Protein backbone atom coordinates (compact mmCIF):
# COMPACT_ATOMS: atom_id res chain seq x y z
CA MET A 1 284.03 163.58 198.15
CA LYS A 2 285.90 162.41 195.26
CA VAL A 3 284.21 162.65 191.96
CA LEU A 4 285.61 160.95 188.72
CA PHE A 5 284.54 162.45 185.36
CA ILE A 6 284.73 160.01 182.31
CA HIS A 7 283.92 161.53 178.94
CA GLN A 8 285.91 160.82 175.66
CA ASN A 9 285.69 164.70 174.92
CA PHE A 10 285.75 165.79 178.40
CA PRO A 11 284.59 168.11 179.42
CA GLY A 12 281.51 167.87 177.16
CA GLN A 13 278.17 168.13 178.96
CA PHE A 14 279.92 168.28 182.35
CA ARG A 15 281.51 171.58 181.72
CA HIS A 16 279.73 173.50 184.32
CA ILE A 17 279.55 170.75 187.24
CA ALA A 18 283.24 170.03 186.90
CA THR A 19 284.12 173.54 186.87
CA HIS A 20 282.00 174.26 190.02
CA LEU A 21 283.08 171.06 191.83
CA ALA A 22 286.92 172.02 191.04
CA LYS A 23 286.60 175.29 192.90
CA GLN A 24 285.01 173.51 196.07
CA PRO A 25 287.52 172.58 198.89
CA ASP A 26 285.18 169.71 199.76
CA PHE A 27 285.28 167.87 196.62
CA GLN A 28 288.37 166.15 194.88
CA VAL A 29 287.76 166.22 190.99
CA LEU A 30 289.68 163.83 188.31
CA ALA A 31 288.80 163.26 185.00
CA ILE A 32 289.43 160.87 182.02
CA GLY A 33 289.05 161.43 178.46
CA ARG A 34 290.50 160.74 174.87
CA ASP A 35 293.87 162.03 174.05
CA THR A 36 291.83 164.29 171.70
CA ALA A 37 289.99 165.80 174.50
CA PRO A 38 290.08 169.58 175.07
CA GLY A 39 290.08 169.17 178.93
CA LEU A 40 289.26 171.95 181.25
CA PRO A 41 291.40 174.45 183.13
CA GLY A 42 291.38 173.45 186.72
CA VAL A 43 290.74 169.78 186.38
CA LYS A 44 293.48 167.22 186.28
CA LEU A 45 292.67 165.04 182.97
CA LEU A 46 294.07 161.58 182.47
CA ARG A 47 294.15 160.64 178.61
CA TYR A 48 293.85 157.40 176.89
CA LYS A 49 293.91 156.01 173.50
CA PRO A 50 292.54 152.37 172.19
CA HIS A 51 295.35 150.50 171.41
CA ARG A 52 293.93 149.73 167.91
CA LYS A 53 290.83 150.48 166.09
CA ALA A 54 287.93 148.06 165.60
CA SER A 55 288.83 145.34 163.04
CA SER A 56 287.50 145.45 159.48
CA GLN A 57 286.88 142.03 159.43
CA THR A 58 284.62 142.49 162.70
CA HIS A 59 280.87 142.04 161.44
CA PRO A 60 279.51 145.57 160.58
CA TYR A 61 276.42 145.14 162.86
CA ALA A 62 278.94 144.56 165.79
CA ARG A 63 281.91 146.90 165.08
CA SER A 64 280.56 149.58 167.01
CA PHE A 65 280.49 147.12 170.11
CA GLU A 66 284.25 146.07 169.29
CA ASP A 67 284.99 149.85 169.32
CA ALA A 68 283.25 150.27 172.62
CA VAL A 69 285.07 147.09 174.03
CA LEU A 70 288.47 148.75 172.86
CA HIS A 71 287.51 152.26 174.59
CA GLY A 72 286.37 150.25 178.07
CA GLN A 73 289.58 148.27 178.15
CA GLN A 74 291.99 151.14 178.01
CA VAL A 75 290.13 152.99 180.55
CA LEU A 76 289.80 150.26 182.77
CA ARG A 77 293.55 149.67 182.43
CA LEU A 78 293.71 153.48 183.58
CA LEU A 79 291.31 152.65 186.51
CA LEU A 80 293.25 150.02 187.73
CA ASP A 81 296.54 151.78 187.74
CA LEU A 82 294.67 154.67 190.00
CA LYS A 83 293.52 151.89 192.34
CA ALA A 84 296.79 150.67 193.07
CA ARG A 85 298.10 153.97 193.86
CA GLY A 86 295.28 154.04 196.48
CA TYR A 87 292.67 156.36 194.70
CA ARG A 88 289.36 155.56 195.05
CA PRO A 89 286.24 157.74 193.93
CA ASP A 90 283.08 157.85 195.71
CA VAL A 91 281.14 158.65 192.43
CA ILE A 92 281.90 158.37 188.66
CA VAL A 93 279.88 160.66 186.25
CA ALA A 94 280.39 159.72 182.88
CA HIS A 95 279.20 159.65 179.30
CA PRO A 96 279.41 155.95 178.48
CA GLY A 97 278.43 156.32 174.90
CA TRP A 98 281.92 155.47 173.77
CA GLY A 99 282.24 152.42 176.00
CA GLU A 100 284.40 153.79 178.54
CA THR A 101 282.66 152.38 181.79
CA LEU A 102 281.88 149.15 180.54
CA TYR A 103 284.29 147.48 183.08
CA ALA A 104 284.35 150.85 185.53
CA LYS A 105 282.58 148.72 188.17
CA ASP A 106 284.97 145.80 188.00
CA ALA A 107 287.73 148.21 189.17
CA PHE A 108 285.67 150.34 191.55
CA PRO A 109 282.60 148.31 192.54
CA ASN A 110 281.72 150.60 195.43
CA ALA A 111 281.69 153.98 193.76
CA ARG A 112 278.38 155.01 192.40
CA LEU A 113 278.10 155.21 188.83
CA ILE A 114 276.22 157.91 186.95
CA HIS A 115 275.42 157.82 183.34
CA PHE A 116 274.68 160.52 181.16
CA CYS A 117 272.03 158.63 179.01
CA GLU A 118 272.13 160.65 175.97
CA TYR A 119 270.43 158.35 173.24
CA TYR A 120 268.64 155.25 172.78
CA TYR A 121 268.50 154.12 169.12
CA HIS A 122 265.24 153.10 167.45
CA ALA A 123 264.56 151.55 164.07
CA GLN A 124 261.55 153.35 163.64
CA GLY A 125 260.08 156.54 165.64
CA ALA A 126 263.03 158.96 165.91
CA ASP A 127 265.87 159.68 163.50
CA LEU A 128 266.46 156.41 161.56
CA GLY A 129 263.80 156.72 158.73
CA PHE A 130 262.65 159.98 159.50
CA ASP A 131 263.64 161.77 156.10
CA PRO A 132 262.11 159.78 153.16
CA GLU A 133 265.05 161.58 151.01
CA PHE A 134 267.53 159.20 152.94
CA PRO A 135 265.53 155.80 153.32
CA PRO A 136 267.19 153.35 155.76
CA THR A 137 268.20 149.83 154.30
CA VAL A 138 267.33 146.56 156.39
CA ASP A 139 271.11 146.69 157.35
CA ASP A 140 270.64 149.97 159.13
CA PHE A 141 267.83 148.64 161.14
CA ALA A 142 269.80 145.58 162.12
CA ARG A 143 272.85 147.87 162.85
CA ILE A 144 271.03 150.26 164.95
CA ARG A 145 269.27 147.38 167.18
CA SER A 146 272.84 145.84 167.39
CA ARG A 147 274.15 149.11 168.51
CA ASN A 148 271.81 149.52 171.46
CA ALA A 149 273.82 146.46 173.08
CA LEU A 150 276.51 148.85 174.28
CA HIS A 151 273.54 150.98 175.89
CA LEU A 152 271.73 148.20 177.56
CA LEU A 153 274.72 147.37 179.15
CA ASN A 154 275.36 151.04 180.20
CA LEU A 155 271.81 151.14 181.69
CA GLU A 156 272.32 147.63 183.46
CA ASN A 157 275.94 148.93 185.07
CA CYS A 158 274.55 152.30 186.14
CA ASP A 159 273.57 153.26 189.51
CA GLN A 160 271.70 156.38 188.44
CA GLY A 161 271.03 157.87 184.73
CA ILE A 162 270.61 161.41 183.82
CA THR A 163 269.22 162.57 180.34
CA PRO A 164 268.88 166.15 179.22
CA THR A 165 265.08 166.09 178.07
CA HIS A 166 261.88 164.41 178.50
CA TRP A 167 261.82 163.21 174.96
CA GLN A 168 265.27 161.82 175.39
CA HIS A 169 264.08 160.20 178.36
CA SER A 170 261.20 158.49 176.76
CA LEU A 171 263.26 156.79 174.16
CA HIS A 172 265.00 154.36 176.78
CA PRO A 173 263.48 151.40 177.58
CA VAL A 174 260.59 151.21 179.98
CA ALA A 175 262.39 149.00 182.42
CA TYR A 176 265.06 151.37 182.83
CA ARG A 177 263.17 154.93 182.94
CA ASP A 178 262.80 154.91 186.35
CA LYS A 179 266.63 155.02 187.47
CA ILE A 180 266.81 158.09 184.83
CA GLU A 181 266.45 161.75 185.87
CA VAL A 182 265.78 164.50 183.40
CA ILE A 183 268.49 166.89 184.31
CA HIS A 184 269.47 169.51 181.45
CA GLU A 185 273.49 170.48 182.04
CA GLY A 186 272.09 174.09 180.88
CA ILE A 187 273.55 176.79 178.95
CA ASP A 188 275.23 180.01 180.21
CA THR A 189 272.54 182.09 180.05
CA ASP A 190 274.69 185.05 181.83
CA GLN A 191 276.83 185.42 178.74
CA LEU A 192 273.96 185.72 176.27
CA GLY A 193 271.14 187.79 175.86
CA PRO A 194 269.58 190.46 173.24
CA ASP A 195 271.74 193.42 172.43
CA PRO A 196 270.34 196.32 170.14
CA ASN A 197 273.74 197.50 169.59
CA ALA A 198 275.25 194.34 168.54
CA THR A 199 277.49 194.22 165.32
CA LEU A 200 279.06 191.59 163.11
CA THR A 201 281.93 191.73 160.78
CA LEU A 202 281.86 189.48 157.96
CA PRO A 203 285.20 188.10 156.31
CA ASN A 204 284.56 190.38 153.52
CA GLY A 205 284.50 193.53 155.60
CA ARG A 206 280.80 193.93 155.59
CA VAL A 207 279.06 194.97 159.08
CA LEU A 208 275.93 193.54 160.11
CA LYS A 209 273.80 195.26 162.49
CA ALA A 210 271.00 194.05 164.89
CA GLY A 211 267.95 195.26 163.75
CA GLU A 212 268.57 194.55 159.82
CA PRO A 213 266.97 191.98 158.03
CA ILE A 214 269.33 189.13 158.99
CA ILE A 215 268.44 185.40 158.87
CA THR A 216 270.70 183.18 160.76
CA TYR A 217 271.14 179.38 160.75
CA VAL A 218 273.94 177.43 162.96
CA ALA A 219 274.69 173.71 163.44
CA ARG A 220 278.18 172.00 164.31
CA ASN A 221 278.06 170.65 160.89
CA LEU A 222 275.99 171.52 157.92
CA GLU A 223 274.18 168.31 157.19
CA PRO A 224 270.75 166.97 156.66
CA TYR A 225 270.16 165.91 160.17
CA ARG A 226 269.98 169.25 161.35
CA GLY A 227 267.96 170.35 158.14
CA PHE A 228 270.43 172.05 156.22
CA HIS A 229 269.23 170.86 152.85
CA THR A 230 265.56 172.02 153.71
CA PHE A 231 267.10 175.36 154.76
CA MET A 232 268.98 175.66 151.58
CA ARG A 233 266.05 175.07 149.24
CA ALA A 234 264.30 177.85 151.07
CA LEU A 235 267.02 180.46 150.25
CA PRO A 236 266.34 180.96 146.73
CA GLN A 237 262.82 182.29 147.37
CA VAL A 238 263.63 184.11 150.41
CA LEU A 239 266.53 186.30 148.60
CA LYS A 240 264.40 186.98 145.58
CA GLU A 241 261.17 188.00 147.92
CA HIS A 242 263.57 190.19 150.33
CA PRO A 243 266.23 191.71 147.87
CA THR A 244 267.98 193.40 151.19
CA CYS A 245 268.28 190.61 153.54
CA GLN A 246 271.66 188.95 154.66
CA VAL A 247 271.94 185.11 155.54
CA VAL A 248 274.83 184.25 158.05
CA ILE A 249 275.47 180.32 158.22
CA VAL A 250 277.72 178.96 160.79
CA GLY A 251 279.04 175.46 160.70
CA GLY A 252 281.46 173.01 159.75
CA ASP A 253 281.69 171.05 156.56
CA GLY A 254 282.29 167.55 158.53
CA VAL A 255 279.80 164.92 159.35
CA SER A 256 278.22 164.76 163.10
CA TYR A 257 275.37 162.77 162.16
CA GLY A 258 274.54 160.74 159.11
CA SER A 259 277.13 160.60 156.23
CA LYS A 260 278.82 162.32 153.54
CA PRO A 261 276.65 162.95 150.18
CA LYS A 262 277.75 160.39 147.51
CA ASP A 263 278.24 163.01 144.69
CA ALA A 264 279.94 165.83 146.60
CA PRO A 265 282.68 166.35 148.99
CA ASN A 266 280.39 168.08 151.74
CA TRP A 267 276.59 169.13 152.03
CA ARG A 268 277.54 172.55 151.68
CA VAL A 269 279.07 172.00 147.88
CA LYS A 270 276.14 169.89 147.19
CA MET A 271 273.11 172.17 148.48
CA LEU A 272 274.97 175.08 146.57
CA ARG A 273 275.06 173.22 143.31
CA GLU A 274 271.41 172.52 143.60
CA ASN A 275 270.50 175.71 144.71
CA PRO A 276 272.59 178.73 143.44
CA VAL A 277 272.39 181.84 145.91
CA ASP A 278 274.22 185.29 145.83
CA LEU A 279 277.35 184.61 147.84
CA GLU A 280 277.50 188.55 148.35
CA ARG A 281 274.43 187.92 150.40
CA VAL A 282 274.60 184.57 151.91
CA HIS A 283 277.89 184.15 154.13
CA PHE A 284 279.29 180.85 155.42
CA LEU A 285 281.30 181.55 158.27
CA GLY A 286 282.78 177.89 159.02
CA LYS A 287 283.10 177.04 162.84
CA VAL A 288 283.78 180.28 164.61
CA PRO A 289 284.65 181.23 168.32
CA TYR A 290 281.92 181.62 171.10
CA ASP A 291 282.12 185.50 171.09
CA ILE A 292 281.43 185.45 167.17
CA TYR A 293 278.86 183.06 167.45
CA ARG A 294 277.08 184.96 170.16
CA LYS A 295 277.26 188.03 167.83
CA VAL A 296 275.71 186.17 165.27
CA LEU A 297 272.91 185.44 167.34
CA GLN A 298 272.39 189.09 168.69
CA VAL A 299 272.14 190.31 165.19
CA SER A 300 269.73 187.81 163.80
CA ALA A 301 265.97 188.85 162.76
CA VAL A 302 265.12 185.64 162.16
CA HIS A 303 266.87 182.36 163.45
CA VAL A 304 266.30 178.84 161.84
CA TYR A 305 266.76 175.86 163.91
CA LEU A 306 265.79 172.28 161.98
CA THR A 307 266.29 169.08 163.39
CA TYR A 308 265.57 165.52 163.00
CA PRO A 309 263.87 163.81 166.24
CA PHE A 310 267.25 163.38 167.76
CA VAL A 311 269.44 165.14 170.42
CA LEU A 312 268.42 168.66 171.11
CA SER A 313 271.33 171.09 170.22
CA TRP A 314 272.49 173.72 172.52
CA SER A 315 272.26 176.36 170.02
CA LEU A 316 268.36 176.61 170.10
CA LEU A 317 268.47 177.41 173.70
CA GLU A 318 271.35 179.75 173.13
CA ALA A 319 269.32 181.32 170.29
CA LEU A 320 266.42 181.70 172.34
CA ALA A 321 268.17 183.14 175.17
CA SER A 322 269.62 185.62 172.79
CA GLY A 323 266.07 186.79 172.09
CA CYS A 324 266.07 185.41 168.80
CA LEU A 325 262.91 184.87 166.89
CA VAL A 326 263.17 181.42 166.38
CA LEU A 327 261.68 179.29 163.43
CA GLY A 328 262.15 175.40 164.43
CA ALA A 329 261.47 172.17 163.12
CA ASP A 330 258.27 170.87 164.35
CA THR A 331 259.72 167.57 165.66
CA SER A 332 259.47 166.05 169.30
CA PRO A 333 262.59 167.48 170.88
CA VAL A 334 261.91 171.13 169.51
CA ARG A 335 258.16 170.62 170.86
CA GLU A 336 259.60 170.30 174.10
CA VAL A 337 260.98 173.68 174.31
CA ILE A 338 259.09 175.85 171.67
CA THR A 339 255.61 176.63 171.91
CA HIS A 340 254.25 177.66 168.78
CA GLY A 341 253.11 181.30 168.99
CA GLU A 342 254.22 182.17 172.24
CA ASN A 343 258.23 181.64 172.43
CA GLY A 344 258.98 180.90 168.79
CA MET A 345 257.19 179.58 165.86
CA LEU A 346 257.07 175.91 164.25
CA VAL A 347 257.64 174.87 160.43
CA ASN A 348 257.32 171.49 158.69
CA PHE A 349 260.92 170.12 158.63
CA PHE A 350 260.58 169.22 154.98
CA ASP A 351 258.54 172.00 153.56
CA SER A 352 261.22 174.38 152.17
CA GLN A 353 258.41 176.72 150.67
CA GLU A 354 256.52 176.83 154.22
CA LEU A 355 259.97 177.67 155.56
CA ALA A 356 260.44 180.57 152.89
CA ILE A 357 257.25 182.28 153.51
CA ASN A 358 257.56 182.16 157.23
CA ILE A 359 261.14 183.76 156.97
CA THR A 360 259.94 186.66 154.59
CA CYS A 361 256.83 186.98 156.81
CA PHE A 362 258.61 187.63 160.07
CA ILE A 363 261.72 188.94 159.10
CA ASN A 364 260.65 192.48 159.12
CA GLU A 365 258.37 192.42 162.06
CA ASN A 366 259.68 193.08 165.69
CA ASN A 367 257.52 190.13 167.49
CA LYS A 368 258.80 191.81 170.92
CA CYS A 369 256.60 189.52 172.76
CA ILE A 370 257.68 186.43 170.94
CA ARG A 371 261.36 187.29 171.87
CA ASN A 372 260.66 188.24 175.44
CA CYS A 373 259.10 185.22 175.86
CA ALA A 374 262.03 183.26 174.29
CA GLU A 375 264.49 184.69 176.77
CA ALA A 376 262.17 184.15 179.48
CA ALA A 377 261.42 180.47 178.96
CA VAL A 378 264.94 179.41 178.36
CA LEU A 379 265.61 180.38 182.01
CA ASP A 380 264.76 176.98 182.97
CA TYR A 381 267.60 175.57 181.04
CA SER A 382 270.17 177.79 182.71
CA SER A 383 273.53 176.66 183.78
CA LEU A 384 272.86 177.53 187.40
CA GLY A 385 269.56 175.42 187.42
CA GLY A 386 271.66 172.32 185.77
CA LEU A 387 274.28 172.74 188.47
CA GLY A 388 272.02 172.64 191.46
CA LYS A 389 270.37 169.22 189.98
CA TYR A 390 273.58 167.73 189.61
CA LEU A 391 274.73 168.83 192.99
CA LYS A 392 271.77 166.97 194.47
CA ALA A 393 272.35 163.96 192.55
CA LEU A 394 275.74 164.06 193.56
CA ARG A 395 274.56 164.60 197.31
CA GLU A 396 272.46 161.53 197.16
CA SER A 397 275.02 159.57 195.43
CA GLU A 398 277.29 160.37 198.36
CA LEU A 399 274.72 159.05 200.80
CA SER A 400 274.50 155.95 198.99
CA SER A 401 278.32 155.41 199.05
CA GLN A 402 278.97 156.01 202.57
CA PHE A 403 275.87 153.50 203.27
CA MET A 404 277.75 151.01 200.96
CA ARG A 405 280.75 151.52 202.89
CA ARG A 406 279.24 150.67 206.16
CA ILE A 407 277.72 147.50 204.65
CA ASN A 408 281.18 146.40 203.63
CA GLN A 409 282.29 147.16 206.76
CA GLY A 410 280.01 145.33 208.70
CA GLY A 411 278.53 148.71 210.20
CA VAL A 412 274.97 147.82 208.97
CA HIS A 413 272.94 144.87 209.65
């Protein structure tokens, strides 16, 4: 069975399934990704790069679609070259969010196309307009509605969709929901878990230990989408009321979602100006290797995870798998994973005072029951479980592909 993965940042969400298939003798695995994709050992990766950027003269509402067309065009050229050399995939598994698979069916009409349907944008009721501190403009509404043109084409083009959570599934148009299955790709729970003897050595040489009053916060980048502004506004009160606690913050200074602040180079600088804190107690680690990140979670007494109604972070699941006591935002994607008082606690995303009170309340409590429940609940999101569901979808795809080949060869009437 020939499986072709397409993801501009391959492997992305396909790490576990691609790694597994590459080791199986009855699968032939190939991947396509951008020139900047990290790749995956054991999987051949063909890289592409759009021949130009979207024009600055293109209407702002349509610029993201032009960018998608440029990505799709370049991938189509790769696919046609593969076809000319005799390659025929049975299944294409792709993240279509950058436009790579817009024309995949034109190259391989008989291949079953499975799309990772990560997000369908809404002008109201999701991330846009959620935070009153950053009110959207009419142009934002129009831009978001226009952006969904790509996603509608993706939904129409694919034979099957996969989305990680029920909330993300609910965002997609009703007409397409039946073709989208909820399958979370999973996290590697075998590499996670609590460690009462865990230690974390900070850049200044200080060693933090599990069991100490340590507050942790993790995001790919420190920005409002992940509640960084709310967290920073809670810290002065926390540091005052708990004079021995330490705070460890992991995340870069770039922008994954939203935009940069207008009056500062990044959100870390802006929020430190607004909320000066003792940097001998508040430690910004930036982006760290996975092993350091794992130790951050293992020494945590209270882990804070805040997010807009948006794509759920792996870091929340990994914190739960590490036995962290999580204070999570009371937003739709988080409520799907955390039941208040059972496997974590929910707090008002916007209320920094409530957050501070909860941190200081729970930092000295063991809460072993909640921690144990957190670790147990996240087993539903293990990479092994996700792998099994992906394999089931691929096997169903193989049956469909065989049926289509028989039709095209005149074997079915």
